[in-house]
């Protein structure tokens, strides 16, 4: 799946903002956060801290992440946790929510 330059730029800006939020709200250094980092396994963020991060992300991007729906789909085995908790994948979901907001 090839990304356009606009999509790559948008994802990069989203990644930078998400990494900044993670670093500001946890003990993780921004330089340690990579697109392939798993929030829990690699960065040591627990579920309560993730909810705090989700709130900050919602505020920054003027979105409402469906965290409960995501958690339910993971718990029911419909998707792997990597779908939402690998930073790059999370950024992709944020971009989709932002685009849906703009289109609405």
PDB file of N, CA and C in Angstrom:
ATOM      1  N   UNK A   1       0.853  -1.187   0.000  1.00  0.00           N
ATOM      2  CA  UNK A   1       0.000   0.000   0.000  1.00  0.00           C
ATOM      3  C   UNK A   1       0.890   1.238   0.000  1.00  0.00           C
ATOM      4  N   UNK A   2       0.924   1.932  -1.099  1.00  0.00           N
ATOM      5  CA  UNK A   2       1.765   3.119  -1.220  1.00  0.00           C
ATOM      6  C   UNK A   2       1.033   4.339  -0.660  1.00  0.00           C
ATOM      7  N   UNK A   3       1.746   5.134   0.083  1.00  0.00           N
ATOM      8  CA  UNK A   3       1.181   6.360   0.641  1.00  0.00           C
ATOM      9  C   UNK A   3       1.587   7.551  -0.212  1.00  0.00           C
ATOM     10  N   UNK A   4       0.694   8.514  -0.316  1.00  0.00           N
ATOM     11  CA  UNK A   4       1.033   9.735  -1.035  1.00  0.00           C
ATOM     12  C   UNK A   4       1.932  10.595  -0.155  1.00  0.00           C
ATOM     13  N   UNK A   5       2.567  11.595  -0.753  1.00  0.00           N
ATOM     14  CA  UNK A   5       3.412  12.510   0.027  1.00  0.00           C
ATOM     15  C   UNK A   5       2.592  13.244   1.076  1.00  0.00           C
ATOM     16  N   UNK A   6       1.355  13.603   0.737  1.00  0.00           N
ATOM     17  CA  UNK A   6       0.480  14.291   1.700  1.00  0.00           C
ATOM     18  C   UNK A   6       0.185  13.375   2.883  1.00  0.00           C
ATOM     19  N   UNK A   7      -0.125  12.087   2.607  1.00  0.00           N
ATOM     20  CA  UNK A   7      -0.404  11.137   3.688  1.00  0.00           C
ATOM     21  C   UNK A   7       0.826  10.922   4.562  1.00  0.00           C
ATOM     22  N   UNK A   8       1.991  10.819   3.928  1.00  0.00           N
ATOM     23  CA  UNK A   8       3.229  10.630   4.695  1.00  0.00           C
ATOM     24  C   UNK A   8       3.495  11.852   5.571  1.00  0.00           C
ATOM     25  N   UNK A   9       3.310  13.053   5.016  1.00  0.00           N
ATOM     26  CA  UNK A   9       3.512  14.273   5.790  1.00  0.00           C
ATOM     27  C   UNK A   9       2.523  14.354   6.948  1.00  0.00           C
ATOM     28  N   UNK A  10       1.258  14.047   6.681  1.00  0.00           N
ATOM     29  CA  UNK A  10       0.234  14.108   7.721  1.00  0.00           C
ATOM     30  C   UNK A  10       0.550  13.099   8.822  1.00  0.00           C
ATOM     31  N   UNK A  11       0.931  11.878   8.418  1.00  0.00           N
ATOM     32  CA  UNK A  11       1.254  10.854   9.408  1.00  0.00           C
ATOM     33  C   UNK A  11       2.474  11.268  10.221  1.00  0.00           C
ATOM     34  N   UNK A  12       3.457  11.886   9.573  1.00  0.00           N
ATOM     35  CA  UNK A  12       4.642  12.349  10.274  1.00  0.00           C
ATOM     36  C   UNK A  12       4.281  13.415  11.307  1.00  0.00           C
ATOM     37  N   UNK A  13       3.427  14.349  10.921  1.00  0.00           N
ATOM     38  CA  UNK A  13       2.991  15.395  11.857  1.00  0.00           C
ATOM     39  C   UNK A  13       2.194  14.784  12.996  1.00  0.00           C
ATOM     40  N   UNK A  14       1.355  13.803  12.677  1.00  0.00           N
ATOM     41  CA  UNK A  14       0.573  13.115  13.715  1.00  0.00           C
ATOM     42  C   UNK A  14       1.507  12.365  14.646  1.00  0.00           C
ATOM     43  N   UNK A  15       2.474  11.643  14.073  1.00  0.00           N
ATOM     44  CA  UNK A  15       3.429  10.896  14.890  1.00  0.00           C
ATOM     45  C   UNK A  15       4.182  11.831  15.829  1.00  0.00           C
ATOM     46  N   UNK A  16       4.658  12.965  15.307  1.00  0.00           N
ATOM     47  CA  UNK A  16       5.400  13.923  16.139  1.00  0.00           C
ATOM     48  C   UNK A  16       4.542  14.407  17.302  1.00  0.00           C
ATOM     49  N   UNK A  17       3.278  14.709  17.030  1.00  0.00           N
ATOM     50  CA  UNK A  17       2.374  15.193  18.079  1.00  0.00           C
ATOM     51  C   UNK A  17       2.100  14.101  19.111  1.00  0.00           C
ATOM     52  N   UNK A  18       1.865  12.870  18.646  1.00  0.00           N
ATOM     53  CA  UNK A  18       1.598  11.753  19.562  1.00  0.00           C
ATOM     54  C   UNK A  18       2.836  11.456  20.402  1.00  0.00           C
ATOM     55  N   UNK A  19       4.013  11.441  19.786  1.00  0.00           N
ATOM     56  CA  UNK A  19       5.257  11.196  20.527  1.00  0.00           C
ATOM     57  C   UNK A  19       5.468  12.278  21.586  1.00  0.00           C
ATOM     58  N   UNK A  20       5.152  13.514  21.226  1.00  0.00           N
ATOM     59  CA  UNK A  20       5.277  14.627  22.172  1.00  0.00           C
ATOM     60  C   UNK A  20       4.327  14.431  23.362  1.00  0.00           C
ATOM     61  N   UNK A  21       3.095  14.011  23.082  1.00  0.00           N
ATOM     62  CA  UNK A  21       2.115  13.766  24.151  1.00  0.00           C
ATOM     63  C   UNK A  21       2.579  12.624  25.049  1.00  0.00           C
ATOM     64  N   UNK A  22       3.068  11.529  24.437  1.00  0.00           N
ATOM     65  CA  UNK A  22       3.551  10.390  25.228  1.00  0.00           C
ATOM     66  C   UNK A  22       4.704  10.830  26.129  1.00  0.00           C
ATOM     67  N   UNK A  23       5.674  11.534  25.560  1.00  0.00           N
ATOM     68  CA  UNK A  23       6.850  11.959  26.333  1.00  0.00           C
ATOM     69  C   UNK A  23       6.464  12.925  27.454  1.00  0.00           C
ATOM     70  N   UNK A  24       5.499  13.805  27.199  1.00  0.00           N
ATOM     71  CA  UNK A  24       5.094  14.796  28.202  1.00  0.00           C
ATOM     72  C   UNK A  24       4.319  14.168  29.357  1.00  0.00           C
ATOM     73  N   UNK A  25       3.691  13.010  29.113  1.00  0.00           N
ATOM     74  CA  UNK A  25       2.810  12.421  30.113  1.00  0.00           C
ATOM     75  C   UNK A  25       3.329  11.120  30.721  1.00  0.00           C
ATOM     76  N   UNK A  26       4.520  10.692  30.301  1.00  0.00           N
ATOM     77  CA  UNK A  26       5.109   9.454  30.838  1.00  0.00           C
ATOM     78  C   UNK A  26       6.599   9.696  31.087  1.00  0.00           C
ATOM     79  N   UNK A  27       7.283   8.653  31.527  1.00  0.00           N
ATOM     80  CA  UNK A  27       8.729   8.741  31.731  1.00  0.00           C
ATOM     81  C   UNK A  27       9.513   8.365  30.482  1.00  0.00           C
ATOM     82  N   UNK A  28       8.809   8.193  29.354  1.00  0.00           N
ATOM     83  CA  UNK A  28       9.452   7.777  28.103  1.00  0.00           C
ATOM     84  C   UNK A  28      10.027   9.001  27.393  1.00  0.00           C
ATOM     85  N   UNK A  29      11.280   8.892  26.970  1.00  0.00           N
ATOM     86  CA  UNK A  29      11.920   9.964  26.209  1.00  0.00           C
ATOM     87  C   UNK A  29      11.357   9.983  24.796  1.00  0.00           C
ATOM     88  N   UNK A  30      11.128  11.173  24.257  1.00  0.00           N
ATOM     89  CA  UNK A  30      10.573  11.285  22.912  1.00  0.00           C
ATOM     90  C   UNK A  30      11.458  10.584  21.880  1.00  0.00           C
ATOM     91  N   UNK A  31      12.766  10.610  22.096  1.00  0.00           N
ATOM     92  CA  UNK A  31      13.683   9.973  21.143  1.00  0.00           C
ATOM     93  C   UNK A  31      13.570   8.445  21.164  1.00  0.00           C
ATOM     94  N   UNK A  32      12.970   7.878  22.220  1.00  0.00           N
ATOM     95  CA  UNK A  32      12.793   6.425  22.313  1.00  0.00           C
ATOM     96  C   UNK A  32      11.509   5.951  21.637  1.00  0.00           C
ATOM     97  N   UNK A  33      10.660   6.870  21.218  1.00  0.00           N
ATOM     98  CA  UNK A  33       9.368   6.517  20.622  1.00  0.00           C
ATOM     99  C   UNK A  33       9.526   6.409  19.108  1.00  0.00           C
ATOM    100  N   UNK A  34       9.221   5.234  18.589  1.00  0.00           N
ATOM    101  CA  UNK A  34       9.332   4.964  17.159  1.00  0.00           C
ATOM    102  C   UNK A  34       7.961   4.547  16.633  1.00  0.00           C
ATOM    103  N   UNK A  35       7.727   4.670  15.309  1.00  0.00           N
ATOM    104  CA  UNK A  35       6.437   4.229  14.756  1.00  0.00           C
ATOM    105  C   UNK A  35       6.130   2.762  15.066  1.00  0.00           C
ATOM    106  N   UNK A  36       7.177   1.938  15.181  1.00  0.00           N
ATOM    107  CA  UNK A  36       6.957   0.513  15.446  1.00  0.00           C
ATOM    108  C   UNK A  36       6.894   0.171  16.932  1.00  0.00           C
ATOM    109  N   UNK A  37       7.018   1.176  17.817  1.00  0.00           N
ATOM    110  CA  UNK A  37       6.962   0.940  19.263  1.00  0.00           C
ATOM    111  C   UNK A  37       5.555   0.537  19.695  1.00  0.00           C
ATOM    112  N   UNK A  38       5.483  -0.514  20.518  1.00  0.00           N
ATOM    113  CA  UNK A  38       4.206  -0.921  21.112  1.00  0.00           C
ATOM    114  C   UNK A  38       4.088  -0.167  22.438  1.00  0.00           C
ATOM    115  N   UNK A  39       2.962   0.506  22.634  1.00  0.00           N
ATOM    116  CA  UNK A  39       2.797   1.353  23.818  1.00  0.00           C
ATOM    117  C   UNK A  39       3.040   0.599  25.113  1.00  0.00           C
ATOM    118  N   UNK A  40       2.481  -0.597  25.242  1.00  0.00           N
ATOM    119  CA  UNK A  40       2.609  -1.351  26.495  1.00  0.00           C
ATOM    120  C   UNK A  40       3.925  -2.124  26.555  1.00  0.00           C
ATOM    121  N   UNK A  41       4.184  -2.943  25.530  1.00  0.00           N
ATOM    122  CA  UNK A  41       5.361  -3.824  25.566  1.00  0.00           C
ATOM    123  C   UNK A  41       6.670  -3.061  25.498  1.00  0.00           C
ATOM    124  N   UNK A  42       6.772  -2.098  24.578  1.00  0.00           N
ATOM    125  CA  UNK A  42       8.049  -1.415  24.365  1.00  0.00           C
ATOM    126  C   UNK A  42       8.225  -0.174  25.231  1.00  0.00           C
ATOM    127  N   UNK A  43       7.129   0.547  25.471  1.00  0.00           N
ATOM    128  CA  UNK A  43       7.229   1.828  26.182  1.00  0.00           C
ATOM    129  C   UNK A  43       6.774   1.734  27.636  1.00  0.00           C
ATOM    130  N   UNK A  44       6.214   0.589  28.029  1.00  0.00           N
ATOM    131  CA  UNK A  44       5.830   0.370  29.424  1.00  0.00           C
ATOM    132  C   UNK A  44       4.650   1.204  29.892  1.00  0.00           C
ATOM    133  N   UNK A  45       3.764   1.558  28.975  1.00  0.00           N
ATOM    134  CA  UNK A  45       2.599   2.373  29.333  1.00  0.00           C
ATOM    135  C   UNK A  45       1.471   1.430  29.738  1.00  0.00           C
ATOM    136  N   UNK A  46       0.923   1.645  30.933  1.00  0.00           N
ATOM    137  CA  UNK A  46      -0.169   0.778  31.380  1.00  0.00           C
ATOM    138  C   UNK A  46      -1.508   1.320  30.881  1.00  0.00           C
ATOM    139  N   UNK A  47      -2.566   0.545  31.104  1.00  0.00           N
ATOM    140  CA  UNK A  47      -3.873   0.906  30.543  1.00  0.00           C
ATOM    141  C   UNK A  47      -4.400   2.224  31.104  1.00  0.00           C
ATOM    142  N   UNK A  48      -4.130   2.508  32.373  1.00  0.00           N
ATOM    143  CA  UNK A  48      -4.589   3.768  32.960  1.00  0.00           C
ATOM    144  C   UNK A  48      -3.856   4.953  32.325  1.00  0.00           C
ATOM    145  N   UNK A  49      -2.549   4.811  32.142  1.00  0.00           N
ATOM    146  CA  UNK A  49      -1.778   5.865  31.479  1.00  0.00           C
ATOM    147  C   UNK A  49      -2.230   6.045  30.039  1.00  0.00           C
ATOM    148  N   UNK A  50      -2.601   4.924  29.385  1.00  0.00           N
ATOM    149  CA  UNK A  50      -3.080   5.026  28.012  1.00  0.00           C
ATOM    150  C   UNK A  50      -4.349   5.870  27.951  1.00  0.00           C
ATOM    151  N   UNK A  51      -5.231   5.709  28.927  1.00  0.00           N
ATOM    152  CA  UNK A  51      -6.466   6.511  28.937  1.00  0.00           C
ATOM    153  C   UNK A  51      -6.135   7.996  29.076  1.00  0.00           C
ATOM    154  N   UNK A  52      -5.135   8.322  29.892  1.00  0.00           N
ATOM    155  CA  UNK A  52      -4.693   9.717  30.011  1.00  0.00           C
ATOM    156  C   UNK A  52      -4.155  10.221  28.669  1.00  0.00           C
ATOM    157  N   UNK A  53      -3.360   9.383  28.002  1.00  0.00           N
ATOM    158  CA  UNK A  53      -2.814   9.756  26.691  1.00  0.00           C
ATOM    159  C   UNK A  53      -3.943   9.942  25.682  1.00  0.00           C
ATOM    160  N   UNK A  54      -4.927   9.034  25.723  1.00  0.00           N
ATOM    161  CA  UNK A  54      -6.059   9.117  24.793  1.00  0.00           C
ATOM    162  C   UNK A  54      -6.804  10.442  24.991  1.00  0.00           C
ATOM    163  N   UNK A  55      -6.974  10.863  26.243  1.00  0.00           N
ATOM    164  CA  UNK A  55      -7.641  12.133  26.525  1.00  0.00           C
ATOM    165  C   UNK A  55      -6.854  13.292  25.924  1.00  0.00           C
ATOM    166  N   UNK A  56      -5.541  13.277  26.121  1.00  0.00           N
ATOM    167  CA  UNK A  56      -4.683  14.333  25.574  1.00  0.00           C
ATOM    168  C   UNK A  56      -4.726  14.341  24.040  1.00  0.00           C
ATOM    169  N   UNK A  57      -4.703  13.147  23.437  1.00  0.00           N
ATOM    170  CA  UNK A  57      -4.760  13.039  21.982  1.00  0.00           C
ATOM    171  C   UNK A  57      -6.097  13.571  21.479  1.00  0.00           C
ATOM    172  N   UNK A  58      -7.187  13.190  22.154  1.00  0.00           N
ATOM    173  CA  UNK A  58      -8.517  13.688  21.770  1.00  0.00           C
ATOM    174  C   UNK A  58      -8.542  15.210  21.789  1.00  0.00           C
ATOM    175  N   UNK A  59      -7.970  15.795  22.833  1.00  0.00           N
ATOM    176  CA  UNK A  59      -7.946  17.252  22.965  1.00  0.00           C
ATOM    177  C   UNK A  59      -7.120  17.892  21.847  1.00  0.00           C
ATOM    178  N   UNK A  60      -5.943  17.357  21.602  1.00  0.00           N
ATOM    179  CA  UNK A  60      -5.019  17.924  20.617  1.00  0.00           C
ATOM    180  C   UNK A  60      -5.595  17.883  19.206  1.00  0.00           C
ATOM    181  N   UNK A  61      -6.263  16.759  18.873  1.00  0.00           N
ATOM    182  CA  UNK A  61      -6.742  16.566  17.507  1.00  0.00           C
ATOM    183  C   UNK A  61      -8.236  16.856  17.332  1.00  0.00           C
ATOM    184  N   UNK A  62      -8.895  17.263  18.413  1.00  0.00           N
ATOM    185  CA  UNK A  62     -10.351  17.522  18.383  1.00  0.00           C
ATOM    186  C   UNK A  62     -11.121  16.319  17.845  1.00  0.00           C
ATOM    187  N   UNK A  63     -10.800  15.153  18.410  1.00  0.00           N
ATOM    188  CA  UNK A  63     -11.469  13.909  18.027  1.00  0.00           C
ATOM    189  C   UNK A  63     -11.944  13.206  19.291  1.00  0.00           C
ATOM    190  N   UNK A  64     -12.635  12.094  19.101  1.00  0.00           N
ATOM    191  CA  UNK A  64     -13.012  11.214  20.208  1.00  0.00           C
ATOM    192  C   UNK A  64     -12.608   9.807  19.795  1.00  0.00           C
ATOM    193  N   UNK A  65     -11.477   9.339  20.336  1.00  0.00           N
ATOM    194  CA  UNK A  65     -11.029   7.989  19.999  1.00  0.00           C
ATOM    195  C   UNK A  65     -11.986   6.990  20.643  1.00  0.00           C
ATOM    196  N   UNK A  66     -12.443   5.990  19.884  1.00  0.00           N
ATOM    197  CA  UNK A  66     -13.356   4.984  20.447  1.00  0.00           C
ATOM    198  C   UNK A  66     -12.591   3.909  21.221  1.00  0.00           C
ATOM    199  N   UNK A  67     -11.915   4.331  22.283  1.00  0.00           N
ATOM    200  CA  UNK A  67     -11.021   3.439  23.031  1.00  0.00           C
ATOM    201  C   UNK A  67     -11.766   2.221  23.557  1.00  0.00           C
ATOM    202  N   UNK A  68     -12.977   2.412  24.089  1.00  0.00           N
ATOM    203  CA  UNK A  68     -13.727   1.275  24.633  1.00  0.00           C
ATOM    204  C   UNK A  68     -14.036   0.263  23.536  1.00  0.00           C
ATOM    205  N   UNK A  69     -14.419   0.750  22.350  1.00  0.00           N
ATOM    206  CA  UNK A  69     -14.691  -0.153  21.225  1.00  0.00           C
ATOM    207  C   UNK A  69     -13.422  -0.890  20.820  1.00  0.00           C
ATOM    208  N   UNK A  70     -12.299  -0.164  20.798  1.00  0.00           N
ATOM    209  CA  UNK A  70     -11.022  -0.783  20.430  1.00  0.00           C
ATOM    210  C   UNK A  70     -10.674  -1.885  21.415  1.00  0.00           C
ATOM    211  N   UNK A  71     -10.789  -1.578  22.704  1.00  0.00           N
ATOM    212  CA  UNK A  71     -10.435  -2.555  23.745  1.00  0.00           C
ATOM    213  C   UNK A  71     -11.343  -3.784  23.640  1.00  0.00           C
ATOM    214  N   UNK A  72     -12.621  -3.556  23.398  1.00  0.00           N
ATOM    215  CA  UNK A  72     -13.568  -4.663  23.274  1.00  0.00           C
ATOM    216  C   UNK A  72     -13.201  -5.553  22.085  1.00  0.00           C
ATOM    217  N   UNK A  73     -12.853  -4.943  20.950  1.00  0.00           N
ATOM    218  CA  UNK A  73     -12.507  -5.748  19.776  1.00  0.00           C
ATOM    219  C   UNK A  73     -11.223  -6.545  20.012  1.00  0.00           C
ATOM    220  N   UNK A  74     -10.284  -5.987  20.782  1.00  0.00           N
ATOM    221  CA  UNK A  74      -9.057  -6.716  21.133  1.00  0.00           C
ATOM    222  C   UNK A  74      -9.393  -7.852  22.092  1.00  0.00           C
ATOM    223  N   UNK A  75     -10.180  -7.548  23.133  1.00  0.00           N
ATOM    224  CA  UNK A  75     -10.532  -8.556  24.138  1.00  0.00           C
ATOM    225  C   UNK A  75     -11.343  -9.703  23.548  1.00  0.00           C
ATOM    226  N   UNK A  76     -12.135  -9.411  22.514  1.00  0.00           N
ATOM    227  CA  UNK A  76     -12.934 -10.455  21.872  1.00  0.00           C
ATOM    228  C   UNK A  76     -12.153 -11.191  20.791  1.00  0.00           C
ATOM    229  N   UNK A  77     -10.900 -10.813  20.594  1.00  0.00           N
ATOM    230  CA  UNK A  77     -10.048 -11.500  19.636  1.00  0.00           C
ATOM    231  C   UNK A  77     -10.323 -11.133  18.186  1.00  0.00           C
ATOM    232  N   UNK A  78     -11.070 -10.042  17.968  1.00  0.00           N
ATOM    233  CA  UNK A  78     -11.386  -9.621  16.600  1.00  0.00           C
ATOM    234  C   UNK A  78     -10.174  -8.997  15.914  1.00  0.00           C
ATOM    235  N   UNK A  79      -9.333  -8.305  16.673  1.00  0.00           N
ATOM    236  CA  UNK A  79      -8.107  -7.708  16.150  1.00  0.00           C
ATOM    237  C   UNK A  79      -6.991  -7.900  17.171  1.00  0.00           C
ATOM    238  N   UNK A  80      -5.754  -7.839  16.701  1.00  0.00           N
ATOM    239  CA  UNK A  80      -4.592  -7.907  17.594  1.00  0.00           C
ATOM    240  C   UNK A  80      -4.410  -6.560  18.283  1.00  0.00           C
ATOM    241  N   UNK A  81      -3.864  -6.568  19.482  1.00  0.00           N
ATOM    242  CA  UNK A  81      -3.633  -5.301  20.194  1.00  0.00           C
ATOM    243  C   UNK A  81      -2.701  -4.386  19.408  1.00  0.00           C
ATOM    244  N   UNK A  82      -1.839  -4.990  18.567  1.00  0.00           N
ATOM    245  CA  UNK A  82      -0.912  -4.191  17.763  1.00  0.00           C
ATOM    246  C   UNK A  82      -1.653  -3.184  16.888  1.00  0.00           C
ATOM    247  N   UNK A  83      -2.894  -3.502  16.486  1.00  0.00           N
ATOM    248  CA  UNK A  83      -3.669  -2.630  15.609  1.00  0.00           C
ATOM    249  C   UNK A  83      -3.829  -1.227  16.205  1.00  0.00           C
ATOM    250  N   UNK A  84      -3.955  -1.149  17.519  1.00  0.00           N
ATOM    251  CA  UNK A  84      -4.192   0.138  18.174  1.00  0.00           C
ATOM    252  C   UNK A  84      -3.022   0.610  19.029  1.00  0.00           C
ATOM    253  N   UNK A  85      -2.158  -0.310  19.455  1.00  0.00           N
ATOM    254  CA  UNK A  85      -1.139   0.055  20.434  1.00  0.00           C
ATOM    255  C   UNK A  85       0.270   0.156  19.881  1.00  0.00           C
ATOM    256  N   UNK A  86       0.461  -0.097  18.593  1.00  0.00           N
ATOM    257  CA  UNK A  86       1.733   0.238  17.956  1.00  0.00           C
ATOM    258  C   UNK A  86       1.578   1.688  17.500  1.00  0.00           C
ATOM    259  N   UNK A  87       2.519   2.526  17.848  1.00  0.00           N
ATOM    260  CA  UNK A  87       2.377   3.974  17.665  1.00  0.00           C
ATOM    261  C   UNK A  87       1.997   4.351  16.236  1.00  0.00           C
ATOM    262  N   UNK A  88       2.650   3.763  15.246  1.00  0.00           N
ATOM    263  CA  UNK A  88       2.332   4.084  13.853  1.00  0.00           C
ATOM    264  C   UNK A  88       0.894   3.750  13.493  1.00  0.00           C
ATOM    265  N   UNK A  89       0.403   2.601  13.987  1.00  0.00           N
ATOM    266  CA  UNK A  89      -0.985   2.211  13.726  1.00  0.00           C
ATOM    267  C   UNK A  89      -1.943   3.165  14.424  1.00  0.00           C
ATOM    268  N   UNK A  90      -1.609   3.546  15.658  1.00  0.00           N
ATOM    269  CA  UNK A  90      -2.435   4.497  16.402  1.00  0.00           C
ATOM    270  C   UNK A  90      -2.526   5.817  15.635  1.00  0.00           C
ATOM    271  N   UNK A  91      -1.414   6.274  15.084  1.00  0.00           N
ATOM    272  CA  UNK A  91      -1.398   7.520  14.307  1.00  0.00           C
ATOM    273  C   UNK A  91      -2.292   7.404  13.075  1.00  0.00           C
ATOM    274  N   UNK A  92      -2.283   6.235  12.441  1.00  0.00           N
ATOM    275  CA  UNK A  92      -3.136   6.015  11.272  1.00  0.00           C
ATOM    276  C   UNK A  92      -4.616   6.121  11.672  1.00  0.00           C
ATOM    277  N   UNK A  93      -4.965   5.531  12.817  1.00  0.00           N
ATOM    278  CA  UNK A  93      -6.348   5.621  13.307  1.00  0.00           C
ATOM    279  C   UNK A  93      -6.713   7.070  13.644  1.00  0.00           C
ATOM    280  N   UNK A  94      -5.787   7.797  14.236  1.00  0.00           N
ATOM    281  CA  UNK A  94      -6.032   9.214  14.558  1.00  0.00           C
ATOM    282  C   UNK A  94      -6.288   9.992  13.267  1.00  0.00           C
ATOM    283  N   UNK A  95      -5.453   9.770  12.255  1.00  0.00           N
ATOM    284  CA  UNK A  95      -5.637  10.460  10.970  1.00  0.00           C
ATOM    285  C   UNK A  95      -7.003  10.140  10.365  1.00  0.00           C
ATOM    286  N   UNK A  96      -7.438   8.871  10.483  1.00  0.00           N
ATOM    287  CA  UNK A  96      -8.761   8.492   9.960  1.00  0.00           C
ATOM    288  C   UNK A  96      -9.880   9.219  10.711  1.00  0.00           C
ATOM    289  N   UNK A  97      -9.738   9.312  12.041  1.00  0.00           N
ATOM    290  CA  UNK A  97     -10.754  10.018  12.837  1.00  0.00           C
ATOM    291  C   UNK A  97     -10.782  11.498  12.507  1.00  0.00           C
ATOM    292  N   UNK A  98      -9.617  12.096  12.323  1.00  0.00           N
ATOM    293  CA  UNK A  98      -9.529  13.515  11.956  1.00  0.00           C
ATOM    294  C   UNK A  98     -10.186  13.731  10.598  1.00  0.00           C
ATOM    295  N   UNK A  99      -9.877  12.861   9.638  1.00  0.00           N
ATOM    296  CA  UNK A  99     -10.466  12.976   8.301  1.00  0.00           C
ATOM    297  C   UNK A  99     -11.982  12.824   8.350  1.00  0.00           C
ATOM    298  N   UNK A 100     -12.472  11.906   9.168  1.00  0.00           N
ATOM    299  CA  UNK A 100     -13.927  11.696   9.305  1.00  0.00           C
ATOM    300  C   UNK A 100     -14.580  12.940   9.907  1.00  0.00           C
ATOM    301  N   UNK A 101     -13.896  13.573  10.875  1.00  0.00           N
ATOM    302  CA  UNK A 101     -14.410  14.817  11.481  1.00  0.00           C
ATOM    303  C   UNK A 101     -14.498  15.930  10.467  1.00  0.00           C
ATOM    304  N   UNK A 102     -13.455  16.041   9.642  1.00  0.00           N
ATOM    305  CA  UNK A 102     -13.407  17.099   8.625  1.00  0.00           C
ATOM    306  C   UNK A 102     -14.519  16.882   7.602  1.00  0.00           C
ATOM    307  N   UNK A 103     -14.747  15.618   7.244  1.00  0.00           N
ATOM    308  CA  UNK A 103     -15.769  15.291   6.243  1.00  0.00           C
ATOM    309  C   UNK A 103     -17.186  15.474   6.789  1.00  0.00           C
ATOM    310  N   UNK A 104     -17.343  15.377   8.101  1.00  0.00           N
ATOM    311  CA  UNK A 104     -18.679  15.459   8.709  1.00  0.00           C
ATOM    312  C   UNK A 104     -19.258  16.844   8.689  1.00  0.00           C
TER     313      UNK A 104
END
